[in-house]
Amino acid sequence: MSKMRVFTGRLPKWFWLVVDLLLVFFLGIIDYITGDYSLIIYYMIPVVLGSWFTGLGFGVAVAVISGLVRFCADYATYTELSFANYLNIAQDSLFLLVIAVISANLRTRLEGNKRVLPDKKEK
């Protein structure tokens, strides 16, 4: 097992909570500054980190918070939001929710495989 994986696995859950919320906050600021550019790929980072290290519940919470931050950044950027803008924000939020579920499920399945197939001992 790599040393980095051991180190990140030992960090407390509150650490990931703070890191994820700070990432979402800074991404919201960057999203507001850049305006019309879509940063949904970057919002995936805190969602995946949150659901991987703390579980599905927190991953979904980070996805919802990210969707709200994206909505606020878009609302502050546009002078008038149309139905298409609302639909785009809803689609991005749903995408982040799906990513949270997939990454938490992947982590659970990988942990189950570790119990069945233990790592080889290093020399």
Protein backbone atom coordinates (compact mmCIF):
# COMPACT_ATOMS: atom_id res chain seq x y z
CA MET A 1 0.00 0.00 0.00
CA SER A 2 1.42 3.39 -0.90
CA LYS A 3 2.37 5.82 1.84
CA MET A 4 0.13 8.56 0.43
CA ARG A 5 -2.94 6.31 0.59
CA VAL A 6 -2.16 5.44 4.21
CA PHE A 7 -1.69 9.12 5.09
CA THR A 8 -4.92 10.34 3.46
CA GLY A 9 -6.86 7.48 5.01
CA ARG A 10 -5.85 8.58 8.49
CA LEU A 11 -6.98 12.18 8.17
CA PRO A 12 -10.08 13.01 10.22
CA LYS A 13 -13.41 13.63 8.54
CA TRP A 14 -13.55 17.23 9.72
CA PHE A 15 -10.39 17.89 7.69
CA TRP A 16 -12.15 16.78 4.51
CA LEU A 17 -15.19 18.84 5.45
CA VAL A 18 -13.08 22.00 5.73
CA VAL A 19 -11.05 21.27 2.58
CA ASP A 20 -14.13 20.54 0.50
CA LEU A 21 -16.04 23.60 1.64
CA LEU A 22 -13.02 25.85 1.05
CA LEU A 23 -12.58 24.38 -2.43
CA VAL A 24 -16.24 24.99 -3.26
CA PHE A 25 -16.00 28.56 -1.90
CA PHE A 26 -12.91 29.37 -3.99
CA LEU A 27 -14.42 27.73 -7.06
CA GLY A 28 -17.51 29.89 -6.58
CA ILE A 29 -15.36 33.01 -6.53
CA ILE A 30 -13.49 31.90 -9.65
CA ASP A 31 -16.82 31.01 -11.30
CA TYR A 32 -18.15 34.49 -10.52
CA ILE A 33 -15.00 36.20 -11.83
CA THR A 34 -14.82 34.21 -15.06
CA GLY A 35 -18.49 34.71 -15.80
CA ASP A 36 -19.94 32.50 -18.51
CA TYR A 37 -17.30 29.76 -18.52
CA SER A 38 -18.41 26.42 -17.16
CA LEU A 39 -16.27 25.15 -14.30
CA ILE A 40 -18.33 22.03 -13.59
CA ILE A 41 -15.29 19.80 -14.07
CA TYR A 42 -13.53 21.59 -11.20
CA TYR A 43 -16.57 21.31 -8.93
CA MET A 44 -16.20 17.54 -9.28
CA ILE A 45 -12.96 17.61 -7.24
CA PRO A 46 -14.51 18.48 -3.85
CA VAL A 47 -17.51 16.25 -4.58
CA VAL A 48 -15.31 13.22 -5.26
CA LEU A 49 -13.03 13.98 -2.30
CA GLY A 50 -16.01 14.37 0.00
CA SER A 51 -17.77 11.21 -1.05
CA TRP A 52 -14.55 9.17 -1.18
CA PHE A 53 -13.16 10.05 2.23
CA THR A 54 -16.31 10.70 4.27
CA GLY A 55 -19.07 8.75 2.55
CA LEU A 56 -22.13 9.19 0.41
CA GLY A 57 -23.99 11.56 2.73
CA PHE A 58 -21.28 14.18 2.77
CA GLY A 59 -20.63 13.73 -0.94
CA VAL A 60 -24.28 14.48 -1.67
CA ALA A 61 -24.13 17.48 0.66
CA VAL A 62 -21.07 18.85 -1.15
CA ALA A 63 -22.80 18.27 -4.50
CA VAL A 64 -25.87 20.22 -3.34
CA ILE A 65 -23.70 23.02 -1.92
CA SER A 66 -21.72 23.12 -5.17
CA GLY A 67 -24.95 23.39 -7.14
CA LEU A 68 -26.10 26.27 -4.96
CA VAL A 69 -22.75 28.04 -5.30
CA ARG A 70 -22.92 27.63 -9.08
CA PHE A 71 -26.44 29.05 -9.05
CA CYS A 72 -25.35 32.04 -6.96
CA ALA A 73 -22.34 32.69 -9.22
CA ASP A 74 -24.52 32.49 -12.34
CA TYR A 75 -27.24 34.62 -10.75
CA ALA A 76 -24.73 37.31 -9.83
CA THR A 77 -23.14 37.19 -13.29
CA TYR A 78 -26.23 37.33 -15.51
CA THR A 79 -28.55 40.28 -15.55
CA GLU A 80 -31.50 38.06 -16.40
CA LEU A 81 -31.70 34.29 -16.02
CA SER A 82 -33.80 32.41 -18.56
CA PHE A 83 -35.36 28.98 -18.33
CA ALA A 84 -32.37 27.56 -20.22
CA ASN A 85 -29.99 28.91 -17.56
CA TYR A 86 -32.04 27.32 -14.77
CA LEU A 87 -32.14 24.06 -16.72
CA ASN A 88 -28.37 24.17 -17.18
CA ILE A 89 -27.79 24.73 -13.45
CA ALA A 90 -30.16 21.87 -12.59
CA GLN A 91 -28.37 19.60 -15.06
CA ASP A 92 -24.97 20.48 -13.57
CA SER A 93 -26.26 19.84 -10.04
CA LEU A 94 -27.70 16.48 -11.05
CA PHE A 95 -24.39 15.60 -12.67
CA LEU A 96 -22.55 16.39 -9.43
CA LEU A 97 -25.02 14.24 -7.47
CA VAL A 98 -24.40 11.31 -9.82
CA ILE A 99 -20.64 11.76 -9.45
CA ALA A 100 -21.00 11.70 -5.65
CA VAL A 101 -23.00 8.46 -5.76
CA ILE A 102 -20.59 6.82 -8.21
CA SER A 103 -17.45 7.72 -6.25
CA ALA A 104 -18.91 6.62 -2.90
CA ASN A 105 -20.09 3.36 -4.46
CA LEU A 106 -16.69 2.79 -6.03
CA ARG A 107 -14.96 3.34 -2.69
CA THR A 108 -17.31 0.89 -0.97
CA ARG A 109 -16.72 -1.75 -3.62
CA LEU A 110 -12.95 -1.31 -3.51
CA GLU A 111 -12.97 -1.63 0.28
CA GLY A 112 -14.97 -4.85 -0.09
CA ASN A 113 -12.40 -6.23 -2.53
CA LYS A 114 -9.59 -5.45 -0.10
CA ARG A 115 -11.18 -7.71 2.47
CA VAL A 116 -11.47 -10.54 -0.06
CA LEU A 117 -8.05 -10.03 -1.70
CA PRO A 118 -5.56 -8.59 0.81
CA ASP A 119 -2.49 -6.69 -0.41
CA LYS A 120 0.73 -8.61 -0.83
CA LYS A 121 3.20 -7.95 1.94
CA GLU A 122 6.11 -5.75 0.94
CA LYS A 123 9.62 -7.02 1.48
